[in-house]
Amino acid sequence: MRLWKCVPMMTLLLLLAACGGEAGETQTADLRNRYHDMAGCAMEATVSCGQEDLAWEASLRCEYVPGGESTVEVLAPETIAGVRAVLTEPEWRLEYEGDSLNAGTLSSEEISPAACLPRLMSALRDGWLLEENEEDWNGVPCLRLTVDQSGVKDGKILSTLWLRRDEGTPLRGEIAVDGEIILTADFTSFTFYDTIPQDGA
């Protein structure tokens, strides 16, 4: 008899869990749609690489235009401040104005630190969602998403972003190739451009 009494309670708990999951999925889908439909965004972040013999850090400003040309400018360190690069999706081709950033490319997928911020935005817009959960970052309530984008050389590229729950803007980002985190980004500012108008609007 005790077993039968447990069954309705277990069913209720499963139903409640399912409802919460659907709500979370809806929130994630709505948030990603905002990025997918945006005309672009402007952001600043401290981008760093902690790989052995490749330690590197710079403050970058990025003007991201989905599917078009995005620009990245170095704000710090002073020795390379003002260096600008233009990136074109989906090949992530880099064209530098002036001296090149002193970090080259990282990992078998040859990811440049200059491409970190545009790549994170591209992954958030179009990557395959693998994980989603609520997680604080430095005491800030966030929605943590991990998305997969296959590399051109078949490397597994995973991008993880912590998005503020109150406004949906990024607080932290990481790019990992084949299980190794190669780049991190700590966002200091973020602004959406106007979203793309719907047909007939």
C-alpha atoms as a PDB file:
ATOM      1  CA  MET A   1       0.000   0.000   0.000  1.00  0.00           C
ATOM      2  CA  ARG A   2       2.799   2.417   0.772  1.00  0.00           C
ATOM      3  CA  LEU A   3       4.208   1.958  -2.737  1.00  0.00           C
ATOM      4  CA  TRP A   4       0.860   2.911  -4.317  1.00  0.00           C
ATOM      5  CA  LYS A   5       0.629   6.008  -2.125  1.00  0.00           C
ATOM      6  CA  CYS A   6       4.058   7.075  -3.362  1.00  0.00           C
ATOM      7  CA  VAL A   7       3.155   6.823  -7.042  1.00  0.00           C
ATOM      8  CA  PRO A   8       0.821   9.889  -7.223  1.00  0.00           C
ATOM      9  CA  MET A   9       3.385  12.023  -5.365  1.00  0.00           C
ATOM     10  CA  MET A  10       6.182  10.894  -7.683  1.00  0.00           C
ATOM     11  CA  THR A  11       4.019  11.650 -10.712  1.00  0.00           C
ATOM     12  CA  LEU A  12       3.264  15.130  -9.357  1.00  0.00           C
ATOM     13  CA  LEU A  13       6.946  15.839  -8.799  1.00  0.00           C
ATOM     14  CA  LEU A  14       7.798  14.710 -12.314  1.00  0.00           C
ATOM     15  CA  LEU A  15       5.098  16.944 -13.761  1.00  0.00           C
ATOM     16  CA  LEU A  16       6.356  19.927 -11.788  1.00  0.00           C
ATOM     17  CA  ALA A  17       9.906  19.263 -12.931  1.00  0.00           C
ATOM     18  CA  ALA A  18       8.741  19.021 -16.538  1.00  0.00           C
ATOM     19  CA  CYS A  19       6.922  22.351 -16.272  1.00  0.00           C
ATOM     20  CA  GLY A  20      10.024  24.047 -14.909  1.00  0.00           C
ATOM     21  CA  GLY A  21      12.128  22.572 -17.704  1.00  0.00           C
ATOM     22  CA  GLU A  22       9.768  23.841 -20.391  1.00  0.00           C
ATOM     23  CA  ALA A  23       9.782  27.323 -18.855  1.00  0.00           C
ATOM     24  CA  GLY A  24      13.581  27.317 -18.836  1.00  0.00           C
ATOM     25  CA  GLU A  25      13.715  26.159 -22.457  1.00  0.00           C
ATOM     26  CA  THR A  26      11.295  28.909 -23.465  1.00  0.00           C
ATOM     27  CA  GLN A  27      13.389  31.535 -21.688  1.00  0.00           C
ATOM     28  CA  THR A  28      16.543  30.307 -23.421  1.00  0.00           C
ATOM     29  CA  ALA A  29      14.867  30.211 -26.827  1.00  0.00           C
ATOM     30  CA  ASP A  30      13.490  33.747 -26.391  1.00  0.00           C
ATOM     31  CA  LEU A  31      16.897  35.016 -25.299  1.00  0.00           C
ATOM     32  CA  ARG A  32      18.730  33.394 -28.207  1.00  0.00           C
ATOM     33  CA  ASN A  33      16.119  34.722 -30.621  1.00  0.00           C
ATOM     34  CA  ARG A  34      16.972  38.223 -29.441  1.00  0.00           C
ATOM     35  CA  TYR A  35      20.575  37.662 -30.455  1.00  0.00           C
ATOM     36  CA  HIS A  36      19.598  35.919 -33.673  1.00  0.00           C
ATOM     37  CA  ASP A  37      17.347  38.808 -34.731  1.00  0.00           C
ATOM     38  CA  MET A  38      19.650  41.647 -33.724  1.00  0.00           C
ATOM     39  CA  ALA A  39      21.139  43.906 -36.372  1.00  0.00           C
ATOM     40  CA  GLY A  40      24.379  43.870 -34.380  1.00  0.00           C
ATOM     41  CA  CYS A  41      25.927  44.854 -31.077  1.00  0.00           C
ATOM     42  CA  ALA A  42      28.783  46.805 -29.531  1.00  0.00           C
ATOM     43  CA  MET A  43      30.793  45.359 -26.658  1.00  0.00           C
ATOM     44  CA  GLU A  44      33.956  45.699 -24.654  1.00  0.00           C
ATOM     45  CA  ALA A  45      35.697  42.910 -22.769  1.00  0.00           C
ATOM     46  CA  THR A  46      38.985  41.778 -21.320  1.00  0.00           C
ATOM     47  CA  VAL A  47      40.060  38.812 -23.422  1.00  0.00           C
ATOM     48  CA  SER A  48      42.761  36.508 -22.139  1.00  0.00           C
ATOM     49  CA  CYS A  49      44.566  33.302 -22.981  1.00  0.00           C
ATOM     50  CA  GLY A  50      46.096  31.236 -20.215  1.00  0.00           C
ATOM     51  CA  GLN A  51      47.739  28.509 -22.283  1.00  0.00           C
ATOM     52  CA  GLU A  52      51.297  27.652 -21.333  1.00  0.00           C
ATOM     53  CA  ASP A  53      53.831  29.860 -23.160  1.00  0.00           C
ATOM     54  CA  LEU A  54      50.945  31.820 -24.708  1.00  0.00           C
ATOM     55  CA  ALA A  55      49.756  33.929 -21.767  1.00  0.00           C
ATOM     56  CA  TRP A  56      48.080  36.993 -23.247  1.00  0.00           C
ATOM     57  CA  GLU A  57      45.523  39.591 -22.185  1.00  0.00           C
ATOM     58  CA  ALA A  58      44.006  42.641 -23.838  1.00  0.00           C
ATOM     59  CA  SER A  59      40.980  44.892 -23.524  1.00  0.00           C
ATOM     60  CA  LEU A  60      39.037  44.824 -26.781  1.00  0.00           C
ATOM     61  CA  ARG A  61      36.163  46.790 -28.265  1.00  0.00           C
ATOM     62  CA  CYS A  62      34.070  44.981 -30.860  1.00  0.00           C
ATOM     63  CA  GLU A  63      31.386  46.123 -33.293  1.00  0.00           C
ATOM     64  CA  TYR A  64      29.673  42.869 -34.312  1.00  0.00           C
ATOM     65  CA  VAL A  65      27.526  42.618 -37.448  1.00  0.00           C
ATOM     66  CA  PRO A  66      25.952  39.170 -37.991  1.00  0.00           C
ATOM     67  CA  GLY A  67      27.020  37.630 -41.272  1.00  0.00           C
ATOM     68  CA  GLY A  68      28.916  40.769 -42.285  1.00  0.00           C
ATOM     69  CA  GLU A  69      32.124  42.544 -41.393  1.00  0.00           C
ATOM     70  CA  SER A  70      32.852  43.001 -37.700  1.00  0.00           C
ATOM     71  CA  THR A  71      35.608  45.208 -36.305  1.00  0.00           C
ATOM     72  CA  VAL A  72      37.786  44.653 -33.252  1.00  0.00           C
ATOM     73  CA  GLU A  73      39.963  47.371 -31.712  1.00  0.00           C
ATOM     74  CA  VAL A  74      42.564  47.015 -28.963  1.00  0.00           C
ATOM     75  CA  LEU A  75      42.033  49.366 -26.012  1.00  0.00           C
ATOM     76  CA  ALA A  76      44.862  48.006 -23.840  1.00  0.00           C
ATOM     77  CA  PRO A  77      47.736  47.268 -23.336  1.00  0.00           C
ATOM     78  CA  GLU A  78      49.116  50.608 -24.438  1.00  0.00           C
ATOM     79  CA  THR A  79      51.808  49.011 -26.607  1.00  0.00           C
ATOM     80  CA  ILE A  80      49.199  47.800 -29.121  1.00  0.00           C
ATOM     81  CA  ALA A  81      46.290  50.144 -28.307  1.00  0.00           C
ATOM     82  CA  GLY A  82      44.514  51.335 -31.422  1.00  0.00           C
ATOM     83  CA  VAL A  83      45.287  48.243 -33.498  1.00  0.00           C
ATOM     84  CA  ARG A  84      42.147  47.291 -35.437  1.00  0.00           C
ATOM     85  CA  ALA A  85      41.098  44.145 -37.259  1.00  0.00           C
ATOM     86  CA  VAL A  86      38.193  43.376 -39.585  1.00  0.00           C
ATOM     87  CA  LEU A  87      36.621  39.912 -39.456  1.00  0.00           C
ATOM     88  CA  THR A  88      34.349  38.317 -42.010  1.00  0.00           C
ATOM     89  CA  GLU A  89      32.044  35.365 -41.289  1.00  0.00           C
ATOM     90  CA  PRO A  90      31.869  32.447 -41.767  1.00  0.00           C
ATOM     91  CA  GLU A  91      35.550  31.977 -42.673  1.00  0.00           C
ATOM     92  CA  TRP A  92      36.659  34.296 -39.830  1.00  0.00           C
ATOM     93  CA  ARG A  93      39.151  35.905 -42.146  1.00  0.00           C
ATOM     94  CA  LEU A  94      41.204  38.603 -40.432  1.00  0.00           C
ATOM     95  CA  GLU A  95      42.365  41.809 -42.064  1.00  0.00           C
ATOM     96  CA  TYR A  96      44.528  43.999 -39.843  1.00  0.00           C
ATOM     97  CA  GLU A  97      44.846  47.746 -40.014  1.00  0.00           C
ATOM     98  CA  GLY A  98      48.376  48.452 -38.879  1.00  0.00           C
ATOM     99  CA  ASP A  99      50.362  46.023 -36.738  1.00  0.00           C
ATOM    100  CA  SER A 100      48.958  42.611 -36.007  1.00  0.00           C
ATOM    101  CA  LEU A 101      47.978  41.409 -32.531  1.00  0.00           C
ATOM    102  CA  ASN A 102      50.910  39.626 -30.920  1.00  0.00           C
ATOM    103  CA  ALA A 103      49.109  36.367 -30.150  1.00  0.00           C
ATOM    104  CA  GLY A 104      48.869  34.644 -33.505  1.00  0.00           C
ATOM    105  CA  THR A 105      46.375  31.793 -33.564  1.00  0.00           C
ATOM    106  CA  LEU A 106      45.561  29.221 -30.912  1.00  0.00           C
ATOM    107  CA  SER A 107      44.759  25.492 -31.044  1.00  0.00           C
ATOM    108  CA  SER A 108      44.388  23.181 -34.035  1.00  0.00           C
ATOM    109  CA  GLU A 109      41.470  25.327 -35.203  1.00  0.00           C
ATOM    110  CA  GLU A 110      43.768  28.373 -35.490  1.00  0.00           C
ATOM    111  CA  ILE A 111      41.460  30.669 -33.532  1.00  0.00           C
ATOM    112  CA  SER A 112      42.808  34.186 -33.164  1.00  0.00           C
ATOM    113  CA  PRO A 113      42.227  36.083 -29.903  1.00  0.00           C
ATOM    114  CA  ALA A 114      40.987  38.952 -32.076  1.00  0.00           C
ATOM    115  CA  ALA A 115      38.076  36.728 -33.136  1.00  0.00           C
ATOM    116  CA  CYS A 116      37.025  35.792 -29.591  1.00  0.00           C
ATOM    117  CA  LEU A 117      34.129  38.235 -29.170  1.00  0.00           C
ATOM    118  CA  PRO A 118      32.610  37.813 -32.659  1.00  0.00           C
ATOM    119  CA  ARG A 119      32.888  34.037 -32.319  1.00  0.00           C
ATOM    120  CA  LEU A 120      31.052  34.076 -28.992  1.00  0.00           C
ATOM    121  CA  MET A 121      28.214  36.091 -30.543  1.00  0.00           C
ATOM    122  CA  SER A 122      28.041  33.803 -33.566  1.00  0.00           C
ATOM    123  CA  ALA A 123      27.926  30.730 -31.339  1.00  0.00           C
ATOM    124  CA  LEU A 124      25.189  32.238 -29.194  1.00  0.00           C
ATOM    125  CA  ARG A 125      23.127  33.007 -32.297  1.00  0.00           C
ATOM    126  CA  ASP A 126      23.583  29.818 -34.314  1.00  0.00           C
ATOM    127  CA  GLY A 127      25.443  27.178 -32.277  1.00  0.00           C
ATOM    128  CA  TRP A 128      23.923  23.857 -31.227  1.00  0.00           C
ATOM    129  CA  LEU A 129      22.732  24.152 -27.617  1.00  0.00           C
ATOM    130  CA  LEU A 130      24.306  21.478 -25.405  1.00  0.00           C
ATOM    131  CA  GLU A 131      23.735  22.723 -21.850  1.00  0.00           C
ATOM    132  CA  GLU A 132      21.687  25.346 -20.047  1.00  0.00           C
ATOM    133  CA  ASN A 133      21.384  26.042 -16.350  1.00  0.00           C
ATOM    134  CA  GLU A 134      21.134  28.855 -13.831  1.00  0.00           C
ATOM    135  CA  GLU A 135      24.487  29.760 -12.310  1.00  0.00           C
ATOM    136  CA  ASP A 136      25.867  32.820 -10.538  1.00  0.00           C
ATOM    137  CA  TRP A 137      29.073  34.395 -11.801  1.00  0.00           C
ATOM    138  CA  ASN A 138      30.805  36.571  -9.200  1.00  0.00           C
ATOM    139  CA  GLY A 139      27.505  36.865  -7.350  1.00  0.00           C
ATOM    140  CA  VAL A 140      25.479  37.877 -10.426  1.00  0.00           C
ATOM    141  CA  PRO A 141      22.516  35.597 -11.289  1.00  0.00           C
ATOM    142  CA  CYS A 142      23.104  34.258 -14.790  1.00  0.00           C
ATOM    143  CA  LEU A 143      21.807  31.829 -17.352  1.00  0.00           C
ATOM    144  CA  ARG A 144      24.752  29.663 -18.397  1.00  0.00           C
ATOM    145  CA  LEU A 145      24.662  28.292 -21.949  1.00  0.00           C
ATOM    146  CA  THR A 146      27.118  25.975 -23.695  1.00  0.00           C
ATOM    147  CA  VAL A 147      26.840  25.706 -27.470  1.00  0.00           C
ATOM    148  CA  ASP A 148      28.715  23.680 -30.065  1.00  0.00           C
ATOM    149  CA  GLN A 149      30.052  24.931 -33.394  1.00  0.00           C
ATOM    150  CA  SER A 150      31.990  22.466 -35.508  1.00  0.00           C
ATOM    151  CA  GLY A 151      35.410  23.706 -36.534  1.00  0.00           C
ATOM    152  CA  VAL A 152      36.600  23.948 -40.122  1.00  0.00           C
ATOM    153  CA  LYS A 153      39.262  21.371 -39.270  1.00  0.00           C
ATOM    154  CA  ASP A 154      36.783  19.088 -37.463  1.00  0.00           C
ATOM    155  CA  GLY A 155      37.842  20.291 -34.024  1.00  0.00           C
ATOM    156  CA  LYS A 156      35.125  20.432 -31.374  1.00  0.00           C
ATOM    157  CA  ILE A 157      34.606  24.093 -30.498  1.00  0.00           C
ATOM    158  CA  LEU A 158      32.442  24.759 -27.440  1.00  0.00           C
ATOM    159  CA  SER A 159      31.461  28.270 -26.390  1.00  0.00           C
ATOM    160  CA  THR A 160      30.077  28.908 -22.911  1.00  0.00           C
ATOM    161  CA  LEU A 161      28.401  32.184 -21.993  1.00  0.00           C
ATOM    162  CA  TRP A 162      27.034  33.526 -18.731  1.00  0.00           C
ATOM    163  CA  LEU A 163      24.134  35.874 -19.547  1.00  0.00           C
ATOM    164  CA  ARG A 164      22.690  38.176 -16.893  1.00  0.00           C
ATOM    165  CA  ARG A 165      19.233  36.946 -16.002  1.00  0.00           C
ATOM    166  CA  ASP A 166      17.796  40.440 -15.549  1.00  0.00           C
ATOM    167  CA  GLU A 167      18.803  41.862 -18.945  1.00  0.00           C
ATOM    168  CA  GLY A 168      20.196  38.988 -21.010  1.00  0.00           C
ATOM    169  CA  THR A 169      23.549  40.620 -21.728  1.00  0.00           C
ATOM    170  CA  PRO A 170      26.813  38.640 -21.495  1.00  0.00           C
ATOM    171  CA  LEU A 171      28.946  38.787 -18.373  1.00  0.00           C
ATOM    172  CA  ARG A 172      31.487  36.052 -19.116  1.00  0.00           C
ATOM    173  CA  GLY A 173      32.456  33.903 -22.088  1.00  0.00           C
ATOM    174  CA  GLU A 174      34.789  30.976 -22.723  1.00  0.00           C
ATOM    175  CA  ILE A 175      35.913  29.225 -25.906  1.00  0.00           C
ATOM    176  CA  ALA A 176      37.214  25.655 -25.643  1.00  0.00           C
ATOM    177  CA  VAL A 177      38.694  23.492 -28.402  1.00  0.00           C
ATOM    178  CA  ASP A 178      38.771  19.726 -27.920  1.00  0.00           C
ATOM    179  CA  GLY A 179      38.135  20.110 -24.193  1.00  0.00           C
ATOM    180  CA  GLU A 180      40.742  22.810 -23.491  1.00  0.00           C
ATOM    181  CA  ILE A 181      39.690  26.375 -22.679  1.00  0.00           C
ATOM    182  CA  ILE A 182      41.823  28.592 -24.910  1.00  0.00           C
ATOM    183  CA  LEU A 183      40.172  32.002 -24.522  1.00  0.00           C
ATOM    184  CA  THR A 184      38.103  33.779 -21.882  1.00  0.00           C
ATOM    185  CA  ALA A 185      36.234  37.080 -22.062  1.00  0.00           C
ATOM    186  CA  ASP A 186      35.046  39.200 -19.150  1.00  0.00           C
ATOM    187  CA  PHE A 187      32.560  41.718 -20.528  1.00  0.00           C
ATOM    188  CA  THR A 188      32.630  45.289 -19.266  1.00  0.00           C
ATOM    189  CA  SER A 189      29.941  46.759 -21.557  1.00  0.00           C
ATOM    190  CA  PHE A 190      27.369  45.537 -24.073  1.00  0.00           C
ATOM    191  CA  THR A 191      24.761  47.297 -26.226  1.00  0.00           C
ATOM    192  CA  PHE A 192      22.309  45.862 -28.749  1.00  0.00           C
ATOM    193  CA  TYR A 193      21.741  47.616 -32.048  1.00  0.00           C
ATOM    194  CA  ASP A 194      18.127  47.767 -33.253  1.00  0.00           C
ATOM    195  CA  THR A 195      16.714  44.333 -34.010  1.00  0.00           C
ATOM    196  CA  ILE A 196      16.095  43.354 -37.602  1.00  0.00           C
ATOM    197  CA  PRO A 197      12.552  44.412 -38.595  1.00  0.00           C
ATOM    198  CA  GLN A 198      10.160  41.624 -39.524  1.00  0.00           C
ATOM    199  CA  ASP A 199       8.783  41.476 -43.079  1.00  0.00           C
ATOM    200  CA  GLY A 200       5.818  43.766 -43.427  1.00  0.00           C
ATOM    201  CA  ALA A 201       6.593  45.622 -40.195  1.00  0.00           C
END
